[in-house]
Structures are given as C-alpha cells and as structure tokens.
Amino acid sequence: EQSSNNEIIRTQGVSTAHLQQLTGLEYNVDISSSKEPHLYVIRKQLRRSKTNTETIDVFYCLDGIIYQCPVLLDVLNSRIAKAAHHLRNSFEDVATIARGEDNKLELTDAAT
C-alpha cells in the first residue's frame, strides 16, 4: 500500500527500525506466530505512538500465497448456521418417520 509507513521508508531507503518512530498505517510480520519458511503472519496495524498499535487486519502468507484471515465472528456464524441446518434436516427426517410418511427413511436406517 503506497500510503503505508513501510512504503514510505522503503522509498526513502531508511531502515525498518525507523517504523516505530512514525505514526500511521504499517504492516508487521508477527514472528511469534510465523512458522518459517512456509507460514508468515502479517498484521496490518495503525501505529498511534512508539508503543501503541491497533491491529486493523491480519493476513497470512502460506507457501508464497497471501490470504486474509477471516473474522472470528464470521467463522462462528458460519459454523453455527451449518450445524443448525443439519439439525433442522435431522428433526424433519425424524418427524417424517414418526408420522409414518416415509418408509424409505425407515428402511435405509434399518439396513445400516
């Protein structure tokens, strides 16, 4: 991103150690979460001061391909919706069998 602090110091030929002196948007490789040489975790963050940063987004680079990490809430919503769908289908099947409307389900279940 051209407006990031990383790009600014790259074009100026300044050391990356200078990043902490700047405020604004920057990208930082999270060494503690990375597993070299195949996985790198990259944080897009807003630096407010030398010691204060706010993570805006997280990416990971797996075998040279960069992916955006999903938001935890989106992952949980998706999994809950999928589980609810399967439970709803199961209850509908049980209700159909209980009413005696579908012999096919009874025979399939009895055969296994």
PDB file of N, CA and C in Angstrom:
ATOM      1  N   GLU A   1       0.845  -1.169   0.000  1.00  0.00           N
ATOM      2  CA  GLU A   1       0.000   0.000   0.000  1.00  0.00           C
ATOM      3  C   GLU A   1       0.894   1.237   0.000  1.00  0.00           C
ATOM      4  N   GLN A   2       0.690   2.103  -0.934  1.00  0.00           N
ATOM      5  CA  GLN A   2       1.593   3.235  -1.134  1.00  0.00           C
ATOM      6  C   GLN A   2       1.590   4.239   0.007  1.00  0.00           C
ATOM      7  N   SER A   3       0.494   4.312   0.759  1.00  0.00           N
ATOM      8  CA  SER A   3       0.438   5.278   1.854  1.00  0.00           C
ATOM      9  C   SER A   3       0.943   4.709   3.178  1.00  0.00           C
ATOM     10  N   SER A   4       1.365   3.448   3.186  1.00  0.00           N
ATOM     11  CA  SER A   4       1.817   2.835   4.435  1.00  0.00           C
ATOM     12  C   SER A   4       3.213   3.327   4.817  1.00  0.00           C
ATOM     13  N   ASN A   5       3.492   3.271   6.096  1.00  0.00           N
ATOM     14  CA  ASN A   5       4.809   3.655   6.587  1.00  0.00           C
ATOM     15  C   ASN A   5       5.896   2.771   5.982  1.00  0.00           C
ATOM     16  N   ASN A   6       5.578   1.506   5.738  1.00  0.00           N
ATOM     17  CA  ASN A   6       6.546   0.592   5.135  1.00  0.00           C
ATOM     18  C   ASN A   6       6.997   1.100   3.768  1.00  0.00           C
ATOM     19  N   GLU A   7       6.043   1.544   2.963  1.00  0.00           N
ATOM     20  CA  GLU A   7       6.363   2.042   1.628  1.00  0.00           C
ATOM     21  C   GLU A   7       7.133   3.363   1.712  1.00  0.00           C
ATOM     22  N   ILE A   8       6.779   4.198   2.657  1.00  0.00           N
ATOM     23  CA  ILE A   8       7.469   5.477   2.819  1.00  0.00           C
ATOM     24  C   ILE A   8       8.942   5.270   3.147  1.00  0.00           C
ATOM     25  N   ILE A   9       9.232   4.375   4.112  1.00  0.00           N
ATOM     26  CA  ILE A   9      10.648   4.169   4.460  1.00  0.00           C
ATOM     27  C   ILE A   9      11.387   3.402   3.364  1.00  0.00           C
ATOM     28  N   ARG A  10      10.652   2.547   2.612  1.00  0.00           N
ATOM     29  CA  ARG A  10      11.304   1.837   1.513  1.00  0.00           C
ATOM     30  C   ARG A  10      11.748   2.820   0.429  1.00  0.00           C
ATOM     31  N   THR A  11      10.879   3.754   0.082  1.00  0.00           N
ATOM     32  CA  THR A  11      11.232   4.720  -0.970  1.00  0.00           C
ATOM     33  C   THR A  11      12.311   5.687  -0.508  1.00  0.00           C
ATOM     34  N   GLN A  12      12.400   5.912   0.818  1.00  0.00           N
ATOM     35  CA  GLN A  12      13.428   6.802   1.350  1.00  0.00           C
ATOM     36  C   GLN A  12      14.737   6.071   1.631  1.00  0.00           C
ATOM     37  N   GLY A  13      14.700   4.744   1.557  1.00  0.00           N
ATOM     38  CA  GLY A  13      15.901   3.954   1.814  1.00  0.00           C
ATOM     39  C   GLY A  13      16.300   3.929   3.277  1.00  0.00           C
ATOM     40  N   VAL A  14      15.319   4.064   4.156  1.00  0.00           N
ATOM     41  CA  VAL A  14      15.569   4.089   5.598  1.00  0.00           C
ATOM     42  C   VAL A  14      15.375   2.684   6.160  1.00  0.00           C
ATOM     43  N   SER A  15      16.070   2.381   7.251  1.00  0.00           N
ATOM     44  CA  SER A  15      15.967   1.075   7.912  1.00  0.00           C
ATOM     45  C   SER A  15      14.559   0.855   8.457  1.00  0.00           C
ATOM     46  N   THR A  16      14.127  -0.416   8.489  1.00  0.00           N
ATOM     47  CA  THR A  16      12.809  -0.739   9.033  1.00  0.00           C
ATOM     48  C   THR A  16      12.725  -0.454  10.531  1.00  0.00           C
ATOM     49  N   ALA A  17      13.845  -0.322  11.193  1.00  0.00           N
ATOM     50  CA  ALA A  17      13.844   0.040  12.616  1.00  0.00           C
ATOM     51  C   ALA A  17      13.212   1.417  12.814  1.00  0.00           C
ATOM     52  N   HIS A  18      13.198   2.218  11.764  1.00  0.00           N
ATOM     53  CA  HIS A  18      12.621   3.565  11.822  1.00  0.00           C
ATOM     54  C   HIS A  18      11.093   3.535  11.870  1.00  0.00           C
ATOM     55  N   LEU A  19      10.463   2.393  11.593  1.00  0.00           N
ATOM     56  CA  LEU A  19       8.998   2.283  11.595  1.00  0.00           C
ATOM     57  C   LEU A  19       8.376   2.711  12.922  1.00  0.00           C
ATOM     58  N   GLN A  20       9.016   2.372  14.018  1.00  0.00           N
ATOM     59  CA  GLN A  20       8.448   2.691  15.331  1.00  0.00           C
ATOM     60  C   GLN A  20       8.418   4.188  15.612  1.00  0.00           C
ATOM     61  N   GLN A  21       9.195   4.951  14.896  1.00  0.00           N
ATOM     62  CA  GLN A  21       9.226   6.403  15.089  1.00  0.00           C
ATOM     63  C   GLN A  21       8.063   7.095  14.379  1.00  0.00           C
ATOM     64  N   LEU A  22       7.439   6.417  13.420  1.00  0.00           N
ATOM     65  CA  LEU A  22       6.365   7.002  12.622  1.00  0.00           C
ATOM     66  C   LEU A  22       5.004   6.644  13.211  1.00  0.00           C
ATOM     67  N   THR A  23       3.994   7.425  12.872  1.00  0.00           N
ATOM     68  CA  THR A  23       2.620   7.071  13.202  1.00  0.00           C
ATOM     69  C   THR A  23       1.872   6.876  11.891  1.00  0.00           C
ATOM     70  N   GLY A  24       0.866   6.023  11.923  1.00  0.00           N
ATOM     71  CA  GLY A  24       0.086   5.757  10.722  1.00  0.00           C
ATOM     72  C   GLY A  24       0.006   4.277  10.414  1.00  0.00           C
ATOM     73  N   LEU A  25      -0.372   3.967   9.190  1.00  0.00           N
ATOM     74  CA  LEU A  25      -0.593   2.598   8.746  1.00  0.00           C
ATOM     75  C   LEU A  25       0.724   1.889   8.458  1.00  0.00           C
ATOM     76  N   GLU A  26       0.853   0.664   8.965  1.00  0.00           N
ATOM     77  CA  GLU A  26       2.046  -0.128   8.696  1.00  0.00           C
ATOM     78  C   GLU A  26       1.705  -1.606   8.680  1.00  0.00           C
ATOM     79  N   TYR A  27       2.615  -2.394   8.116  1.00  0.00           N
ATOM     80  CA  TYR A  27       2.496  -3.849   8.087  1.00  0.00           C
ATOM     81  C   TYR A  27       3.643  -4.426   8.895  1.00  0.00           C
ATOM     82  N   ASN A  28       3.335  -5.449   9.703  1.00  0.00           N
ATOM     83  CA  ASN A  28       4.337  -6.028  10.582  1.00  0.00           C
ATOM     84  C   ASN A  28       4.227  -7.547  10.545  1.00  0.00           C
ATOM     85  N   VAL A  29       5.353  -8.225  10.349  1.00  0.00           N
ATOM     86  CA  VAL A  29       5.371  -9.690  10.378  1.00  0.00           C
ATOM     87  C   VAL A  29       5.423 -10.121  11.837  1.00  0.00           C
ATOM     88  N   ASP A  30       4.451 -10.921  12.234  1.00  0.00           N
ATOM     89  CA  ASP A  30       4.373 -11.417  13.606  1.00  0.00           C
ATOM     90  C   ASP A  30       5.258 -12.666  13.711  1.00  0.00           C
ATOM     91  N   ILE A  31       6.470 -12.466  14.162  1.00  0.00           N
ATOM     92  CA  ILE A  31       7.465 -13.550  14.226  1.00  0.00           C
ATOM     93  C   ILE A  31       7.007 -14.668  15.163  1.00  0.00           C
ATOM     94  N   SER A  32       6.368 -14.325  16.286  1.00  0.00           N
ATOM     95  CA  SER A  32       5.975 -15.348  17.261  1.00  0.00           C
ATOM     96  C   SER A  32       4.915 -16.302  16.711  1.00  0.00           C
ATOM     97  N   SER A  33       4.093 -15.837  15.763  1.00  0.00           N
ATOM     98  CA  SER A  33       3.043 -16.686  15.182  1.00  0.00           C
ATOM     99  C   SER A  33       3.458 -17.333  13.864  1.00  0.00           C
ATOM    100  N   SER A  34       4.562 -16.885  13.292  1.00  0.00           N
ATOM    101  CA  SER A  34       5.006 -17.400  11.993  1.00  0.00           C
ATOM    102  C   SER A  34       5.783 -18.695  12.165  1.00  0.00           C
ATOM    103  N   LYS A  35       5.719 -19.544  11.148  1.00  0.00           N
ATOM    104  CA  LYS A  35       6.446 -20.817  11.124  1.00  0.00           C
ATOM    105  C   LYS A  35       7.256 -20.851   9.834  1.00  0.00           C
ATOM    106  N   GLU A  36       8.457 -20.302   9.894  1.00  0.00           N
ATOM    107  CA  GLU A  36       9.305 -20.235   8.699  1.00  0.00           C
ATOM    108  C   GLU A  36       9.624 -21.634   8.202  1.00  0.00           C
ATOM    109  N   PRO A  37       9.787 -21.880   6.953  1.00  0.00           N
ATOM    110  CA  PRO A  37       9.720 -20.971   5.818  1.00  0.00           C
ATOM    111  C   PRO A  37       8.365 -20.981   5.115  1.00  0.00           C
ATOM    112  N   HIS A  38       7.365 -21.676   5.661  1.00  0.00           N
ATOM    113  CA  HIS A  38       6.103 -21.863   4.929  1.00  0.00           C
ATOM    114  C   HIS A  38       4.985 -20.919   5.343  1.00  0.00           C
ATOM    115  N   LEU A  39       4.980 -20.461   6.596  1.00  0.00           N
ATOM    116  CA  LEU A  39       3.864 -19.657   7.098  1.00  0.00           C
ATOM    117  C   LEU A  39       4.366 -18.385   7.757  1.00  0.00           C
ATOM    118  N   TYR A  40       3.831 -17.262   7.301  1.00  0.00           N
ATOM    119  CA  TYR A  40       4.134 -15.965   7.897  1.00  0.00           C
ATOM    120  C   TYR A  40       2.813 -15.276   8.214  1.00  0.00           C
ATOM    121  N   VAL A  41       2.712 -14.725   9.414  1.00  0.00           N
ATOM    122  CA  VAL A  41       1.527 -13.982   9.827  1.00  0.00           C
ATOM    123  C   VAL A  41       1.864 -12.493   9.744  1.00  0.00           C
ATOM    124  N   ILE A  42       1.031 -11.735   9.037  1.00  0.00           N
ATOM    125  CA  ILE A  42       1.282 -10.317   8.797  1.00  0.00           C
ATOM    126  C   ILE A  42       0.120  -9.513   9.370  1.00  0.00           C
ATOM    127  N   ARG A  43       0.452  -8.539  10.204  1.00  0.00           N
ATOM    128  CA  ARG A  43      -0.573  -7.686  10.790  1.00  0.00           C
ATOM    129  C   ARG A  43      -0.567  -6.317  10.111  1.00  0.00           C
ATOM    130  N   LYS A  44      -1.732  -5.870   9.690  1.00  0.00           N
ATOM    131  CA  LYS A  44      -1.913  -4.504   9.204  1.00  0.00           C
ATOM    132  C   LYS A  44      -2.346  -3.719  10.434  1.00  0.00           C
ATOM    133  N   GLN A  45      -1.566  -2.720  10.787  1.00  0.00           N
ATOM    134  CA  GLN A  45      -1.851  -2.038  12.034  1.00  0.00           C
ATOM    135  C   GLN A  45      -1.721  -0.532  11.908  1.00  0.00           C
ATOM    136  N   LEU A  46      -2.400   0.149  12.799  1.00  0.00           N
ATOM    137  CA  LEU A  46      -2.336   1.597  12.875  1.00  0.00           C
ATOM    138  C   LEU A  46      -1.470   1.946  14.071  1.00  0.00           C
ATOM    139  N   ARG A  47      -0.325   2.545  13.800  1.00  0.00           N
ATOM    140  CA  ARG A  47       0.583   2.933  14.877  1.00  0.00           C
ATOM    141  C   ARG A  47       0.203   4.328  15.346  1.00  0.00           C
ATOM    142  N   ARG A  48      -0.148   4.414  16.641  1.00  0.00           N
ATOM    143  CA  ARG A  48      -0.534   5.695  17.229  1.00  0.00           C
ATOM    144  C   ARG A  48       0.642   6.360  17.948  1.00  0.00           C
ATOM    145  N   SER A  49       1.539   5.547  18.438  1.00  0.00           N
ATOM    146  CA  SER A  49       2.742   6.053  19.098  1.00  0.00           C
ATOM    147  C   SER A  49       3.798   4.964  19.020  1.00  0.00           C
ATOM    148  N   LYS A  50       4.944   5.211  19.630  1.00  0.00           N
ATOM    149  CA  LYS A  50       6.043   4.233  19.576  1.00  0.00           C
ATOM    150  C   LYS A  50       5.631   2.880  20.169  1.00  0.00           C
ATOM    151  N   THR A  51       4.759   2.915  21.178  1.00  0.00           N
ATOM    152  CA  THR A  51       4.376   1.677  21.868  1.00  0.00           C
ATOM    153  C   THR A  51       2.914   1.288  21.687  1.00  0.00           C
ATOM    154  N   ASN A  52       2.110   2.111  21.023  1.00  0.00           N
ATOM    155  CA  ASN A  52       0.674   1.856  20.908  1.00  0.00           C
ATOM    156  C   ASN A  52       0.287   1.589  19.452  1.00  0.00           C
ATOM    157  N   THR A  53      -0.174   0.351  19.197  1.00  0.00           N
ATOM    158  CA  THR A  53      -0.657  -0.006  17.858  1.00  0.00           C
ATOM    159  C   THR A  53      -2.030  -0.645  17.974  1.00  0.00           C
ATOM    160  N   GLU A  54      -2.821  -0.501  16.924  1.00  0.00           N
ATOM    161  CA  GLU A  54      -4.143  -1.117  16.849  1.00  0.00           C
ATOM    162  C   GLU A  54      -4.179  -1.997  15.603  1.00  0.00           C
ATOM    163  N   THR A  55      -4.429  -3.284  15.781  1.00  0.00           N
ATOM    164  CA  THR A  55      -4.499  -4.201  14.651  1.00  0.00           C
ATOM    165  C   THR A  55      -5.787  -3.957  13.875  1.00  0.00           C
ATOM    166  N   ILE A  56      -5.632  -3.736  12.577  1.00  0.00           N
ATOM    167  CA  ILE A  56      -6.773  -3.486  11.693  1.00  0.00           C
ATOM    168  C   ILE A  56      -7.176  -4.755  10.975  1.00  0.00           C
ATOM    169  N   ASP A  57      -6.188  -5.530  10.542  1.00  0.00           N
ATOM    170  CA  ASP A  57      -6.446  -6.734   9.765  1.00  0.00           C
ATOM    171  C   ASP A  57      -5.285  -7.689   9.947  1.00  0.00           C
ATOM    172  N   VAL A  58      -5.510  -8.956   9.684  1.00  0.00           N
ATOM    173  CA  VAL A  58      -4.457  -9.967   9.780  1.00  0.00           C
ATOM    174  C   VAL A  58      -4.462 -10.777   8.489  1.00  0.00           C
ATOM    175  N   PHE A  59      -3.288 -11.017   7.957  1.00  0.00           N
ATOM    176  CA  PHE A  59      -3.098 -11.820   6.758  1.00  0.00           C
ATOM    177  C   PHE A  59      -2.124 -12.935   7.087  1.00  0.00           C
ATOM    178  N   TYR A  60      -2.152 -13.983   6.306  1.00  0.00           N
ATOM    179  CA  TYR A  60      -1.109 -14.985   6.426  1.00  0.00           C
ATOM    180  C   TYR A  60      -0.617 -15.343   5.037  1.00  0.00           C
ATOM    181  N   CYS A  61       0.649 -15.599   4.967  1.00  0.00           N
ATOM    182  CA  CYS A  61       1.303 -15.983   3.721  1.00  0.00           C
ATOM    183  C   CYS A  61       1.690 -17.442   3.876  1.00  0.00           C
ATOM    184  N   LEU A  62       1.040 -18.312   3.128  1.00  0.00           N
ATOM    185  CA  LEU A  62       1.286 -19.746   3.205  1.00  0.00           C
ATOM    186  C   LEU A  62       1.877 -20.205   1.887  1.00  0.00           C
ATOM    187  N   ASP A  63       3.110 -20.644   1.935  1.00  0.00           N
ATOM    188  CA  ASP A  63       3.832 -21.105   0.744  1.00  0.00           C
ATOM    189  C   ASP A  63       3.774 -20.084  -0.397  1.00  0.00           C
ATOM    190  N   GLY A  64       3.936 -18.810  -0.048  1.00  0.00           N
ATOM    191  CA  GLY A  64       4.018 -17.751  -1.047  1.00  0.00           C
ATOM    192  C   GLY A  64       2.697 -17.157  -1.496  1.00  0.00           C
ATOM    193  N   ILE A  65       1.580 -17.653  -0.977  1.00  0.00           N
ATOM    194  CA  ILE A  65       0.265 -17.116  -1.335  1.00  0.00           C
ATOM    195  C   ILE A  65      -0.307 -16.393  -0.114  1.00  0.00           C
ATOM    196  N   ILE A  66      -0.764 -15.144  -0.326  1.00  0.00           N
ATOM    197  CA  ILE A  66      -1.267 -14.330   0.776  1.00  0.00           C
ATOM    198  C   ILE A  66      -2.784 -14.468   0.871  1.00  0.00           C
ATOM    199  N   TYR A  67      -3.259 -14.739   2.098  1.00  0.00           N
ATOM    200  CA  TYR A  67      -4.684 -14.881   2.377  1.00  0.00           C
ATOM    201  C   TYR A  67      -5.065 -13.896   3.482  1.00  0.00           C
ATOM    202  N   GLN A  68      -6.293 -13.392   3.434  1.00  0.00           N
ATOM    203  CA  GLN A  68      -6.799 -12.565   4.513  1.00  0.00           C
ATOM    204  C   GLN A  68      -7.445 -13.481   5.545  1.00  0.00           C
ATOM    205  N   CYS A  69      -7.106 -13.294   6.804  1.00  0.00           N
ATOM    206  CA  CYS A  69      -7.694 -14.117   7.860  1.00  0.00           C
ATOM    207  C   CYS A  69      -9.156 -13.740   8.050  1.00  0.00           C
ATOM    208  N   PRO A  70     -10.013 -14.733   8.214  1.00  0.00           N
ATOM    209  CA  PRO A  70     -11.423 -14.419   8.446  1.00  0.00           C
ATOM    210  C   PRO A  70     -11.618 -13.855   9.851  1.00  0.00           C
ATOM    211  N   VAL A  71     -12.670 -13.101  10.017  1.00  0.00           N
ATOM    212  CA  VAL A  71     -13.033 -12.568  11.322  1.00  0.00           C
ATOM    213  C   VAL A  71     -13.657 -13.713  12.125  1.00  0.00           C
ATOM    214  N   LEU A  72     -13.277 -13.844  13.378  1.00  0.00           N
ATOM    215  CA  LEU A  72     -13.742 -14.953  14.214  1.00  0.00           C
ATOM    216  C   LEU A  72     -15.268 -15.026  14.258  1.00  0.00           C
ATOM    217  N   LEU A  73     -15.935 -13.889  14.355  1.00  0.00           N
ATOM    218  CA  LEU A  73     -17.393 -13.880  14.404  1.00  0.00           C
ATOM    219  C   LEU A  73     -17.992 -14.473  13.136  1.00  0.00           C
ATOM    220  N   ASP A  74     -17.395 -14.178  11.985  1.00  0.00           N
ATOM    221  CA  ASP A  74     -17.883 -14.737  10.720  1.00  0.00           C
ATOM    222  C   ASP A  74     -17.719 -16.252  10.683  1.00  0.00           C
ATOM    223  N   VAL A  75     -16.599 -16.741  11.197  1.00  0.00           N
ATOM    224  CA  VAL A  75     -16.357 -18.194  11.242  1.00  0.00           C
ATOM    225  C   VAL A  75     -17.382 -18.866  12.146  1.00  0.00           C
ATOM    226  N   LEU A  76     -17.599 -18.297  13.329  1.00  0.00           N
ATOM    227  CA  LEU A  76     -18.571 -18.886  14.262  1.00  0.00           C
ATOM    228  C   LEU A  76     -19.989 -18.859  13.691  1.00  0.00           C
ATOM    229  N   ASN A  77     -20.381 -17.735  13.087  1.00  0.00           N
ATOM    230  CA  ASN A  77     -21.717 -17.654  12.476  1.00  0.00           C
ATOM    231  C   ASN A  77     -21.897 -18.708  11.399  1.00  0.00           C
ATOM    232  N   SER A  78     -20.889 -18.908  10.576  1.00  0.00           N
ATOM    233  CA  SER A  78     -20.964 -19.891   9.506  1.00  0.00           C
ATOM    234  C   SER A  78     -21.106 -21.306  10.063  1.00  0.00           C
ATOM    235  N   ARG A  79     -20.328 -21.619  11.072  1.00  0.00           N
ATOM    236  CA  ARG A  79     -20.380 -22.983  11.639  1.00  0.00           C
ATOM    237  C   ARG A  79     -21.694 -23.241  12.366  1.00  0.00           C
ATOM    238  N   ILE A  80     -22.186 -22.221  13.062  1.00  0.00           N
ATOM    239  CA  ILE A  80     -23.470 -22.385  13.758  1.00  0.00           C
ATOM    240  C   ILE A  80     -24.594 -22.548  12.749  1.00  0.00           C
ATOM    241  N   ALA A  81     -24.572 -21.782  11.676  1.00  0.00           N
ATOM    242  CA  ALA A  81     -25.607 -21.904  10.640  1.00  0.00           C
ATOM    243  C   ALA A  81     -25.565 -23.287  10.000  1.00  0.00           C
ATOM    244  N   LYS A  82     -24.371 -23.804   9.756  1.00  0.00           N
ATOM    245  CA  LYS A  82     -24.241 -25.133   9.153  1.00  0.00           C
ATOM    246  C   LYS A  82     -24.771 -26.213  10.106  1.00  0.00           C
ATOM    247  N   ALA A  83     -24.430 -26.101  11.388  1.00  0.00           N
ATOM    248  CA  ALA A  83     -24.912 -27.071  12.374  1.00  0.00           C
ATOM    249  C   ALA A  83     -26.434 -26.995  12.500  1.00  0.00           C
ATOM    250  N   ALA A  84     -26.976 -25.783  12.510  1.00  0.00           N
ATOM    251  CA  ALA A  84     -28.431 -25.608  12.608  1.00  0.00           C
ATOM    252  C   ALA A  84     -29.136 -26.217  11.397  1.00  0.00           C
ATOM    253  N   HIS A  85     -28.555 -26.059  10.221  1.00  0.00           N
ATOM    254  CA  HIS A  85     -29.130 -26.633   9.002  1.00  0.00           C
ATOM    255  C   HIS A  85     -29.215 -28.163   9.113  1.00  0.00           C
ATOM    256  N   HIS A  86     -28.133 -28.788   9.550  1.00  0.00           N
ATOM    257  CA  HIS A  86     -28.118 -30.251   9.667  1.00  0.00           C
ATOM    258  C   HIS A  86     -29.075 -30.725  10.767  1.00  0.00           C
ATOM    259  N   LEU A  87     -29.148 -30.001  11.873  1.00  0.00           N
ATOM    260  CA  LEU A  87     -30.093 -30.365  12.932  1.00  0.00           C
ATOM    261  C   LEU A  87     -31.536 -30.250  12.446  1.00  0.00           C
ATOM    262  N   ARG A  88     -31.830 -29.184  11.712  1.00  0.00           N
ATOM    263  CA  ARG A  88     -33.180 -28.987  11.179  1.00  0.00           C
ATOM    264  C   ARG A  88     -33.547 -30.141  10.249  1.00  0.00           C
ATOM    265  N   ASN A  89     -32.622 -30.525   9.371  1.00  0.00           N
ATOM    266  CA  ASN A  89     -32.888 -31.647   8.464  1.00  0.00           C
ATOM    267  C   ASN A  89     -33.110 -32.943   9.234  1.00  0.00           C
ATOM    268  N   SER A  90     -32.323 -33.163  10.274  1.00  0.00           N
ATOM    269  CA  SER A  90     -32.473 -34.382  11.077  1.00  0.00           C
ATOM    270  C   SER A  90     -33.828 -34.421  11.773  1.00  0.00           C
ATOM    271  N   PHE A  91     -34.228 -33.287  12.355  1.00  0.00           N
ATOM    272  CA  PHE A  91     -35.529 -33.245  13.021  1.00  0.00           C
ATOM    273  C   PHE A  91     -36.676 -33.450  12.035  1.00  0.00           C
ATOM    274  N   GLU A  92     -36.543 -32.903  10.834  1.00  0.00           N
ATOM    275  CA  GLU A  92     -37.569 -33.110   9.811  1.00  0.00           C
ATOM    276  C   GLU A  92     -37.652 -34.582   9.427  1.00  0.00           C
ATOM    277  N   ASP A  93     -36.492 -35.242   9.306  1.00  0.00           N
ATOM    278  CA  ASP A  93     -36.492 -36.679   8.985  1.00  0.00           C
ATOM    279  C   ASP A  93     -37.134 -37.494  10.097  1.00  0.00           C
ATOM    280  N   VAL A  94     -36.813 -37.158  11.344  1.00  0.00           N
ATOM    281  CA  VAL A  94     -37.389 -37.884  12.486  1.00  0.00           C
ATOM    282  C   VAL A  94     -38.901 -37.661  12.539  1.00  0.00           C
ATOM    283  N   ALA A  95     -39.339 -36.436  12.306  1.00  0.00           N
ATOM    284  CA  ALA A  95     -40.775 -36.140  12.322  1.00  0.00           C
ATOM    285  C   ALA A  95     -41.496 -36.906  11.208  1.00  0.00           C
ATOM    286  N   THR A  96     -40.873 -36.996  10.041  1.00  0.00           N
ATOM    287  CA  THR A  96     -41.466 -37.730   8.924  1.00  0.00           C
ATOM    288  C   THR A  96     -41.601 -39.208   9.265  1.00  0.00           C
ATOM    289  N   ILE A  97     -40.572 -39.773   9.871  1.00  0.00           N
ATOM    290  CA  ILE A  97     -40.616 -41.194  10.269  1.00  0.00           C
ATOM    291  C   ILE A  97     -41.677 -41.402  11.341  1.00  0.00           C
ATOM    292  N   ALA A  98     -41.761 -40.486  12.309  1.00  0.00           N
ATOM    293  CA  ALA A  98     -42.721 -40.620  13.409  1.00  0.00           C
ATOM    294  C   ALA A  98     -44.152 -40.584  12.895  1.00  0.00           C
ATOM    295  N   ARG A  99     -44.395 -39.818  11.840  1.00  0.00           N
ATOM    296  CA  ARG A  99     -45.739 -39.765  11.258  1.00  0.00           C
ATOM    297  C   ARG A  99     -45.997 -40.955  10.337  1.00  0.00           C
ATOM    298  N   GLY A 100     -44.973 -41.751  10.057  1.00  0.00           N
ATOM    299  CA  GLY A 100     -45.124 -42.903   9.182  1.00  0.00           C
ATOM    300  C   GLY A 100     -45.288 -42.536   7.727  1.00  0.00           C
ATOM    301  N   GLU A 101     -44.796 -41.367   7.344  1.00  0.00           N
ATOM    302  CA  GLU A 101     -44.974 -40.884   5.977  1.00  0.00           C
ATOM    303  C   GLU A 101     -43.885 -41.341   5.025  1.00  0.00           C
ATOM    304  N   ASP A 102     -42.777 -41.817   5.542  1.00  0.00           N
ATOM    305  CA  ASP A 102     -41.665 -42.131   4.637  1.00  0.00           C
ATOM    306  C   ASP A 102     -41.036 -43.468   5.018  1.00  0.00           C
ATOM    307  N   ASN A 103     -41.451 -44.518   4.342  1.00  0.00           N
ATOM    308  CA  ASN A 103     -40.896 -45.843   4.597  1.00  0.00           C
ATOM    309  C   ASN A 103     -39.461 -45.957   4.118  1.00  0.00           C
ATOM    310  N   LYS A 104     -39.092 -45.160   3.131  1.00  0.00           N
ATOM    311  CA  LYS A 104     -37.730 -45.209   2.593  1.00  0.00           C
ATOM    312  C   LYS A 104     -36.706 -44.874   3.677  1.00  0.00           C
ATOM    313  N   LEU A 105     -36.980 -43.847   4.485  1.00  0.00           N
ATOM    314  CA  LEU A 105     -36.059 -43.481   5.560  1.00  0.00           C
ATOM    315  C   LEU A 105     -35.953 -44.608   6.577  1.00  0.00           C
ATOM    316  N   GLU A 106     -37.062 -45.247   6.915  1.00  0.00           N
ATOM    317  CA  GLU A 106     -37.060 -46.329   7.887  1.00  0.00           C
ATOM    318  C   GLU A 106     -36.225 -47.499   7.376  1.00  0.00           C
ATOM    319  N   LEU A 107     -36.413 -47.860   6.089  1.00  0.00           N
ATOM    320  CA  LEU A 107     -35.654 -48.984   5.526  1.00  0.00           C
ATOM    321  C   LEU A 107     -34.173 -48.662   5.428  1.00  0.00           C
ATOM    322  N   THR A 108     -33.860 -47.451   5.057  1.00  0.00           N
ATOM    323  CA  THR A 108     -32.443 -47.058   4.964  1.00  0.00           C
ATOM    324  C   THR A 108     -31.780 -47.126   6.310  1.00  0.00           C
ATOM    325  N   ASP A 109     -32.443 -46.599   7.333  1.00  0.00           N
ATOM    326  CA  ASP A 109     -31.868 -46.602   8.674  1.00  0.00           C
ATOM    327  C   ASP A 109     -31.796 -48.021   9.238  1.00  0.00           C
ATOM    328  N   ALA A 110     -32.776 -48.853   8.950  1.00  0.00           N
ATOM    329  CA  ALA A 110     -32.807 -50.214   9.469  1.00  0.00           C
ATOM    330  C   ALA A 110     -31.725 -51.074   8.814  1.00  0.00           C
ATOM    331  N   ALA A 111     -31.373 -50.760   7.569  1.00  0.00           N
ATOM    332  CA  ALA A 111     -30.388 -51.556   6.837  1.00  0.00           C
ATOM    333  C   ALA A 111     -28.960 -51.309   7.333  1.00  0.00           C
ATOM    334  N   THR A 112     -28.728 -50.166   8.003  1.00  0.00           N
ATOM    335  CA  THR A 112     -27.354 -49.855   8.430  1.00  0.00           C
ATOM    336  C   THR A 112     -27.063 -50.293   9.824  1.00  0.00           C
TER     337      THR A 112
END
